[in-house]
PDB file of N, CA and C in Angstrom:
ATOM      1  N   UNK A   1       0.842  -1.174   0.000  1.00  0.00           N
ATOM      2  CA  UNK A   1       0.000   0.000   0.000  1.00  0.00           C
ATOM      3  C   UNK A   1       0.889   1.240   0.000  1.00  0.00           C
ATOM      4  N   UNK A   2       0.581   2.185  -0.867  1.00  0.00           N
ATOM      5  CA  UNK A   2       1.366   3.399  -0.963  1.00  0.00           C
ATOM      6  C   UNK A   2       0.812   4.468  -0.018  1.00  0.00           C
ATOM      7  N   UNK A   3       1.715   5.197   0.625  1.00  0.00           N
ATOM      8  CA  UNK A   3       1.348   6.318   1.492  1.00  0.00           C
ATOM      9  C   UNK A   3       2.217   7.488   1.084  1.00  0.00           C
ATOM     10  N   UNK A   4       1.609   8.444   0.404  1.00  0.00           N
ATOM     11  CA  UNK A   4       2.349   9.580  -0.126  1.00  0.00           C
ATOM     12  C   UNK A   4       2.449  10.677   0.920  1.00  0.00           C
ATOM     13  N   UNK A   5       3.669  11.167   1.105  1.00  0.00           N
ATOM     14  CA  UNK A   5       3.949  12.245   2.039  1.00  0.00           C
ATOM     15  C   UNK A   5       4.565  13.386   1.253  1.00  0.00           C
ATOM     16  N   UNK A   6       4.078  14.593   1.505  1.00  0.00           N
ATOM     17  CA  UNK A   6       4.607  15.769   0.819  1.00  0.00           C
ATOM     18  C   UNK A   6       5.826  16.289   1.557  1.00  0.00           C
ATOM     19  N   UNK A   7       6.921  16.467   0.821  1.00  0.00           N
ATOM     20  CA  UNK A   7       8.149  17.016   1.382  1.00  0.00           C
ATOM     21  C   UNK A   7       8.047  18.538   1.424  1.00  0.00           C
ATOM     22  N   UNK A   8       8.844  19.205   2.262  1.00  0.00           N
ATOM     23  CA  UNK A   8       8.772  20.665   2.364  1.00  0.00           C
ATOM     24  C   UNK A   8       9.037  21.403   1.050  1.00  0.00           C
ATOM     25  N   UNK A   9       9.775  20.799   0.129  1.00  0.00           N
ATOM     26  CA  UNK A   9      10.053  21.468  -1.146  1.00  0.00           C
ATOM     27  C   UNK A   9       8.986  21.201  -2.207  1.00  0.00           C
ATOM     28  N   UNK A  10       7.926  20.487  -1.863  1.00  0.00           N
ATOM     29  CA  UNK A  10       6.816  20.271  -2.777  1.00  0.00           C
ATOM     30  C   UNK A  10       6.783  18.897  -3.428  1.00  0.00           C
ATOM     31  N   UNK A  11       7.868  18.151  -3.359  1.00  0.00           N
ATOM     32  CA  UNK A  11       7.887  16.805  -3.938  1.00  0.00           C
ATOM     33  C   UNK A  11       7.092  15.859  -3.050  1.00  0.00           C
ATOM     34  N   UNK A  12       6.687  14.726  -3.616  1.00  0.00           N
ATOM     35  CA  UNK A  12       5.991  13.683  -2.873  1.00  0.00           C
ATOM     36  C   UNK A  12       6.854  12.433  -2.862  1.00  0.00           C
ATOM     37  N   UNK A  13       6.776  11.683  -1.764  1.00  0.00           N
ATOM     38  CA  UNK A  13       7.527  10.440  -1.653  1.00  0.00           C
ATOM     39  C   UNK A  13       6.612   9.399  -1.013  1.00  0.00           C
ATOM     40  N   UNK A  14       6.764   8.162  -1.447  1.00  0.00           N
ATOM     41  CA  UNK A  14       6.012   7.050  -0.872  1.00  0.00           C
ATOM     42  C   UNK A  14       6.698   6.635   0.421  1.00  0.00           C
ATOM     43  N   UNK A  15       6.039   6.814   1.547  1.00  0.00           N
ATOM     44  CA  UNK A  15       6.634   6.516   2.853  1.00  0.00           C
ATOM     45  C   UNK A  15       6.978   5.040   3.002  1.00  0.00           C
ATOM     46  N   UNK A  16       6.282   4.171   2.303  1.00  0.00           N
ATOM     47  CA  UNK A  16       6.564   2.742   2.392  1.00  0.00           C
ATOM     48  C   UNK A  16       7.887   2.380   1.727  1.00  0.00           C
ATOM     49  N   UNK A  17       8.401   3.232   0.838  1.00  0.00           N
ATOM     50  CA  UNK A  17       9.659   2.966   0.144  1.00  0.00           C
ATOM     51  C   UNK A  17      10.881   3.484   0.889  1.00  0.00           C
ATOM     52  N   UNK A  18      10.693   4.245   1.949  1.00  0.00           N
ATOM     53  CA  UNK A  18      11.834   4.813   2.675  1.00  0.00           C
ATOM     54  C   UNK A  18      12.565   3.694   3.401  1.00  0.00           C
ATOM     55  N   UNK A  19      13.827   3.497   3.029  1.00  0.00           N
ATOM     56  CA  UNK A  19      14.630   2.427   3.609  1.00  0.00           C
ATOM     57  C   UNK A  19      15.512   2.928   4.747  1.00  0.00           C
ATOM     58  N   UNK A  20      15.926   4.187   4.687  1.00  0.00           N
ATOM     59  CA  UNK A  20      16.757   4.727   5.745  1.00  0.00           C
ATOM     60  C   UNK A  20      16.510   6.217   5.895  1.00  0.00           C
ATOM     61  N   UNK A  21      16.698   6.686   7.126  1.00  0.00           N
ATOM     62  CA  UNK A  21      16.565   8.105   7.443  1.00  0.00           C
ATOM     63  C   UNK A  21      17.882   8.529   8.070  1.00  0.00           C
ATOM     64  N   UNK A  22      18.520   9.525   7.471  1.00  0.00           N
ATOM     65  CA  UNK A  22      19.800   9.994   7.974  1.00  0.00           C
ATOM     66  C   UNK A  22      19.653  10.885   9.196  1.00  0.00           C
ATOM     67  N   UNK A  23      20.778  11.272   9.741  1.00  0.00           N
ATOM     68  CA  UNK A  23      20.816  12.142  10.915  1.00  0.00           C
ATOM     69  C   UNK A  23      20.485  13.573  10.488  1.00  0.00           C
ATOM     70  N   UNK A  24      19.534  14.229  11.151  1.00  0.00           N
ATOM     71  CA  UNK A  24      19.249  15.633  10.826  1.00  0.00           C
ATOM     72  C   UNK A  24      20.442  16.517  11.176  1.00  0.00           C
ATOM     73  N   UNK A  25      20.772  17.422  10.274  1.00  0.00           N
ATOM     74  CA  UNK A  25      21.879  18.348  10.500  1.00  0.00           C
ATOM     75  C   UNK A  25      21.366  19.781  10.359  1.00  0.00           C
ATOM     76  N   UNK A  26      21.789  20.655  11.257  1.00  0.00           N
ATOM     77  CA  UNK A  26      21.345  22.046  11.217  1.00  0.00           C
ATOM     78  C   UNK A  26      22.427  22.927  10.603  1.00  0.00           C
ATOM     79  N   UNK A  27      21.981  24.020  10.006  1.00  0.00           N
ATOM     80  CA  UNK A  27      22.893  25.005   9.425  1.00  0.00           C
ATOM     81  C   UNK A  27      22.174  26.350   9.392  1.00  0.00           C
ATOM     82  N   UNK A  28      22.920  27.421   9.211  1.00  0.00           N
ATOM     83  CA  UNK A  28      22.341  28.766   9.130  1.00  0.00           C
ATOM     84  C   UNK A  28      21.999  29.078   7.677  1.00  0.00           C
ATOM     85  N   UNK A  29      20.781  29.521   7.448  1.00  0.00           N
ATOM     86  CA  UNK A  29      20.351  29.898   6.100  1.00  0.00           C
ATOM     87  C   UNK A  29      20.711  31.359   5.857  1.00  0.00           C
ATOM     88  N   UNK A  30      21.178  31.650   4.657  1.00  0.00           N
ATOM     89  CA  UNK A  30      21.493  33.009   4.242  1.00  0.00           C
ATOM     90  C   UNK A  30      20.807  33.292   2.915  1.00  0.00           C
ATOM     91  N   UNK A  31      20.353  34.540   2.725  1.00  0.00           N
ATOM     92  CA  UNK A  31      19.785  34.903   1.428  1.00  0.00           C
ATOM     93  C   UNK A  31      20.908  35.369   0.501  1.00  0.00           C
ATOM     94  N   UNK A  32      20.549  35.864  -0.684  1.00  0.00           N
ATOM     95  CA  UNK A  32      21.530  36.260  -1.688  1.00  0.00           C
ATOM     96  C   UNK A  32      22.419  37.411  -1.220  1.00  0.00           C
ATOM     97  N   UNK A  33      21.908  38.244  -0.307  1.00  0.00           N
ATOM     98  CA  UNK A  33      22.659  39.401   0.171  1.00  0.00           C
ATOM     99  C   UNK A  33      23.440  39.101   1.444  1.00  0.00           C
ATOM    100  N   UNK A  34      23.366  37.901   1.948  1.00  0.00           N
ATOM    101  CA  UNK A  34      24.099  37.515   3.136  1.00  0.00           C
ATOM    102  C   UNK A  34      23.351  37.735   4.434  1.00  0.00           C
ATOM    103  N   UNK A  35      22.063  38.061   4.362  1.00  0.00           N
ATOM    104  CA  UNK A  35      21.265  38.253   5.570  1.00  0.00           C
ATOM    105  C   UNK A  35      20.895  36.910   6.174  1.00  0.00           C
ATOM    106  N   UNK A  36      20.897  36.849   7.495  1.00  0.00           N
ATOM    107  CA  UNK A  36      20.592  35.616   8.212  1.00  0.00           C
ATOM    108  C   UNK A  36      19.089  35.345   8.176  1.00  0.00           C
ATOM    109  N   UNK A  37      18.700  34.165   7.695  1.00  0.00           N
ATOM    110  CA  UNK A  37      17.295  33.768   7.638  1.00  0.00           C
ATOM    111  C   UNK A  37      16.922  32.812   8.762  1.00  0.00           C
ATOM    112  N   UNK A  38      17.850  32.526   9.652  1.00  0.00           N
ATOM    113  CA  UNK A  38      17.571  31.614  10.755  1.00  0.00           C
ATOM    114  C   UNK A  38      18.064  30.215  10.466  1.00  0.00           C
ATOM    115  N   UNK A  39      17.925  29.357  11.452  1.00  0.00           N
ATOM    116  CA  UNK A  39      18.424  27.983  11.290  1.00  0.00           C
ATOM    117  C   UNK A  39      17.531  27.156  10.368  1.00  0.00           C
ATOM    118  N   UNK A  40      18.147  26.205   9.692  1.00  0.00           N
ATOM    119  CA  UNK A  40      17.432  25.253   8.843  1.00  0.00           C
ATOM    120  C   UNK A  40      17.982  23.864   9.137  1.00  0.00           C
ATOM    121  N   UNK A  41      17.259  22.877   8.674  1.00  0.00           N
ATOM    122  CA  UNK A  41      17.634  21.476   8.921  1.00  0.00           C
ATOM    123  C   UNK A  41      17.660  20.749   7.582  1.00  0.00           C
ATOM    124  N   UNK A  42      18.648  19.904   7.397  1.00  0.00           N
ATOM    125  CA  UNK A  42      18.697  19.040   6.230  1.00  0.00           C
ATOM    126  C   UNK A  42      18.645  17.585   6.700  1.00  0.00           C
ATOM    127  N   UNK A  43      18.009  16.761   5.893  1.00  0.00           N
ATOM    128  CA  UNK A  43      17.789  15.366   6.252  1.00  0.00           C
ATOM    129  C   UNK A  43      17.929  14.522   4.994  1.00  0.00           C
ATOM    130  N   UNK A  44      18.654  13.427   5.089  1.00  0.00           N
ATOM    131  CA  UNK A  44      18.802  12.510   3.961  1.00  0.00           C
ATOM    132  C   UNK A  44      17.815  11.362   4.103  1.00  0.00           C
ATOM    133  N   UNK A  45      17.078  11.097   3.031  1.00  0.00           N
ATOM    134  CA  UNK A  45      16.145   9.976   2.973  1.00  0.00           C
ATOM    135  C   UNK A  45      16.624   9.019   1.903  1.00  0.00           C
ATOM    136  N   UNK A  46      16.695   7.755   2.232  1.00  0.00           N
ATOM    137  CA  UNK A  46      17.077   6.739   1.264  1.00  0.00           C
ATOM    138  C   UNK A  46      15.872   5.919   0.855  1.00  0.00           C
ATOM    139  N   UNK A  47      15.545   5.947  -0.425  1.00  0.00           N
ATOM    140  CA  UNK A  47      14.438   5.145  -0.938  1.00  0.00           C
ATOM    141  C   UNK A  47      14.906   3.748  -1.319  1.00  0.00           C
ATOM    142  N   UNK A  48      16.190   3.568  -1.303  1.00  0.00           N
ATOM    143  CA  UNK A  48      16.827   2.291  -1.575  1.00  0.00           C
ATOM    144  C   UNK A  48      18.224   2.395  -0.980  1.00  0.00           C
ATOM    145  N   UNK A  49      18.971   1.334  -0.981  1.00  0.00           N
ATOM    146  CA  UNK A  49      20.307   1.389  -0.409  1.00  0.00           C
ATOM    147  C   UNK A  49      21.351   1.853  -1.415  1.00  0.00           C
ATOM    148  N   UNK A  50      20.943   2.086  -2.655  1.00  0.00           N
ATOM    149  CA  UNK A  50      21.852   2.622  -3.654  1.00  0.00           C
ATOM    150  C   UNK A  50      21.917   4.143  -3.514  1.00  0.00           C
ATOM    151  N   UNK A  51      23.069   4.703  -3.757  1.00  0.00           N
ATOM    152  CA  UNK A  51      23.286   6.144  -3.593  1.00  0.00           C
ATOM    153  C   UNK A  51      22.403   6.967  -4.526  1.00  0.00           C
ATOM    154  N   UNK A  52      22.088   6.458  -5.687  1.00  0.00           N
ATOM    155  CA  UNK A  52      21.281   7.192  -6.657  1.00  0.00           C
ATOM    156  C   UNK A  52      19.840   7.383  -6.191  1.00  0.00           C
ATOM    157  N   UNK A  53      19.409   6.622  -5.208  1.00  0.00           N
ATOM    158  CA  UNK A  53      18.031   6.651  -4.743  1.00  0.00           C
ATOM    159  C   UNK A  53      17.900   7.355  -3.393  1.00  0.00           C
ATOM    160  N   UNK A  54      18.791   8.293  -3.123  1.00  0.00           N
ATOM    161  CA  UNK A  54      18.731   9.040  -1.881  1.00  0.00           C
ATOM    162  C   UNK A  54      18.348  10.481  -2.153  1.00  0.00           C
ATOM    163  N   UNK A  55      17.546  11.048  -1.267  1.00  0.00           N
ATOM    164  CA  UNK A  55      17.091  12.424  -1.386  1.00  0.00           C
ATOM    165  C   UNK A  55      17.651  13.245  -0.241  1.00  0.00           C
ATOM    166  N   UNK A  56      17.924  14.496  -0.509  1.00  0.00           N
ATOM    167  CA  UNK A  56      18.296  15.438   0.535  1.00  0.00           C
ATOM    168  C   UNK A  56      17.150  16.428   0.665  1.00  0.00           C
ATOM    169  N   UNK A  57      16.582  16.526   1.859  1.00  0.00           N
ATOM    170  CA  UNK A  57      15.421  17.374   2.099  1.00  0.00           C
ATOM    171  C   UNK A  57      15.839  18.495   3.046  1.00  0.00           C
ATOM    172  N   UNK A  58      15.503  19.745   2.684  1.00  0.00           N
ATOM    173  CA  UNK A  58      15.827  20.905   3.494  1.00  0.00           C
ATOM    174  C   UNK A  58      14.551  21.584   3.946  1.00  0.00           C
ATOM    175  N   UNK A  59      14.581  22.157   5.145  1.00  0.00           N
ATOM    176  CA  UNK A  59      13.426  22.891   5.646  1.00  0.00           C
ATOM    177  C   UNK A  59      13.679  23.402   7.049  1.00  0.00           C
ATOM    178  N   UNK A  60      12.663  23.971   7.630  1.00  0.00           N
ATOM    179  CA  UNK A  60      12.769  24.463   8.994  1.00  0.00           C
ATOM    180  C   UNK A  60      12.660  23.299   9.973  1.00  0.00           C
ATOM    181  N   UNK A  61      12.951  23.572  11.210  1.00  0.00           N
ATOM    182  CA  UNK A  61      12.873  22.535  12.246  1.00  0.00           C
ATOM    183  C   UNK A  61      11.451  21.984  12.348  1.00  0.00           C
ATOM    184  N   UNK A  62      10.454  22.860  12.247  1.00  0.00           N
ATOM    185  CA  UNK A  62       9.059  22.427  12.343  1.00  0.00           C
ATOM    186  C   UNK A  62       8.666  21.544  11.155  1.00  0.00           C
ATOM    187  N   UNK A  63       9.127  21.917   9.953  1.00  0.00           N
ATOM    188  CA  UNK A  63       8.822  21.116   8.767  1.00  0.00           C
ATOM    189  C   UNK A  63       9.462  19.724   8.855  1.00  0.00           C
ATOM    190  N   UNK A  64      10.702  19.673   9.330  1.00  0.00           N
ATOM    191  CA  UNK A  64      11.381  18.384   9.452  1.00  0.00           C
ATOM    192  C   UNK A  64      10.752  17.521  10.548  1.00  0.00           C
ATOM    193  N   UNK A  65      10.326  18.151  11.623  1.00  0.00           N
ATOM    194  CA  UNK A  65       9.651  17.415  12.688  1.00  0.00           C
ATOM    195  C   UNK A  65       8.342  16.805  12.182  1.00  0.00           C
ATOM    196  N   UNK A  66       7.570  17.593  11.429  1.00  0.00           N
ATOM    197  CA  UNK A  66       6.318  17.084  10.864  1.00  0.00           C
ATOM    198  C   UNK A  66       6.582  15.955   9.868  1.00  0.00           C
ATOM    199  N   UNK A  67       7.646  16.089   9.075  1.00  0.00           N
ATOM    200  CA  UNK A  67       8.002  15.046   8.113  1.00  0.00           C
ATOM    201  C   UNK A  67       8.370  13.748   8.820  1.00  0.00           C
ATOM    202  N   UNK A  68       9.198  13.844   9.854  1.00  0.00           N
ATOM    203  CA  UNK A  68       9.591  12.639  10.590  1.00  0.00           C
ATOM    204  C   UNK A  68       8.404  11.985  11.284  1.00  0.00           C
ATOM    205  N   UNK A  69       7.510  12.789  11.845  1.00  0.00           N
ATOM    206  CA  UNK A  69       6.316  12.231  12.478  1.00  0.00           C
ATOM    207  C   UNK A  69       5.444  11.521  11.452  1.00  0.00           C
ATOM    208  N   UNK A  70       5.311  12.105  10.259  1.00  0.00           N
ATOM    209  CA  UNK A  70       4.508  11.478   9.209  1.00  0.00           C
ATOM    210  C   UNK A  70       5.147  10.168   8.749  1.00  0.00           C
ATOM    211  N   UNK A  71       6.469  10.166   8.610  1.00  0.00           N
ATOM    212  CA  UNK A  71       7.159   8.939   8.189  1.00  0.00           C
ATOM    213  C   UNK A  71       7.046   7.852   9.238  1.00  0.00           C
ATOM    214  N   UNK A  72       7.253   8.190  10.483  1.00  0.00           N
ATOM    215  CA  UNK A  72       7.180   7.187  11.545  1.00  0.00           C
ATOM    216  C   UNK A  72       5.758   6.684  11.761  1.00  0.00           C
ATOM    217  N   UNK A  73       4.796   7.572  11.629  1.00  0.00           N
ATOM    218  CA  UNK A  73       3.413   7.158  11.788  1.00  0.00           C
ATOM    219  C   UNK A  73       2.923   6.280  10.663  1.00  0.00           C
ATOM    220  N   UNK A  74       3.419   6.519   9.456  1.00  0.00           N
ATOM    221  CA  UNK A  74       2.931   5.753   8.316  1.00  0.00           C
ATOM    222  C   UNK A  74       3.609   4.385   8.211  1.00  0.00           C
ATOM    223  N   UNK A  75       4.791   4.213   8.795  1.00  0.00           N
ATOM    224  CA  UNK A  75       5.458   2.927   8.687  1.00  0.00           C
ATOM    225  C   UNK A  75       5.120   2.008   9.839  1.00  0.00           C
ATOM    226  N   UNK A  76       4.554   2.531  10.918  1.00  0.00           N
ATOM    227  CA  UNK A  76       4.311   1.717  12.092  1.00  0.00           C
ATOM    228  C   UNK A  76       2.973   1.007  12.127  1.00  0.00           C
ATOM    229  N   UNK A  77       2.057   1.266  11.177  1.00  0.00           N
ATOM    230  CA  UNK A  77       0.737   0.658  11.260  1.00  0.00           C
ATOM    231  C   UNK A  77       0.428  -0.276  10.102  1.00  0.00           C
ATOM    232  N   UNK A  78       1.449  -0.894   9.526  1.00  0.00           N
ATOM    233  CA  UNK A  78       1.225  -1.835   8.437  1.00  0.00           C
ATOM    234  C   UNK A  78       0.690  -3.157   8.948  1.00  0.00           C
ATOM    235  N   UNK A  79      -0.173  -3.763   8.197  1.00  0.00           N
ATOM    236  CA  UNK A  79      -0.744  -5.051   8.588  1.00  0.00           C
ATOM    237  C   UNK A  79       0.040  -6.215   8.013  1.00  0.00           C
ATOM    238  N   UNK A  80      -0.159  -7.381   8.583  1.00  0.00           N
ATOM    239  CA  UNK A  80       0.557  -8.563   8.102  1.00  0.00           C
ATOM    240  C   UNK A  80      -0.234  -9.306   7.068  1.00  0.00           C
TER     241      UNK A  80
END
């Protein structure tokens, strides 16, 4: 069964295909003029164990928290 989750950048991913979730890393966002936009978080998602099937997702702490909750909630209720 497919469970589509919307990523912060607008793409969709099937939560059932996520094989690995990387460690969230924080960094400071800057605009084109060098102004500080606040902290952001990047997260690597692997849809397979091959490097070509990995995504890097960027967003705010709240967006990444919602994404992780959606991924964990959708993978924990599968039936046998």
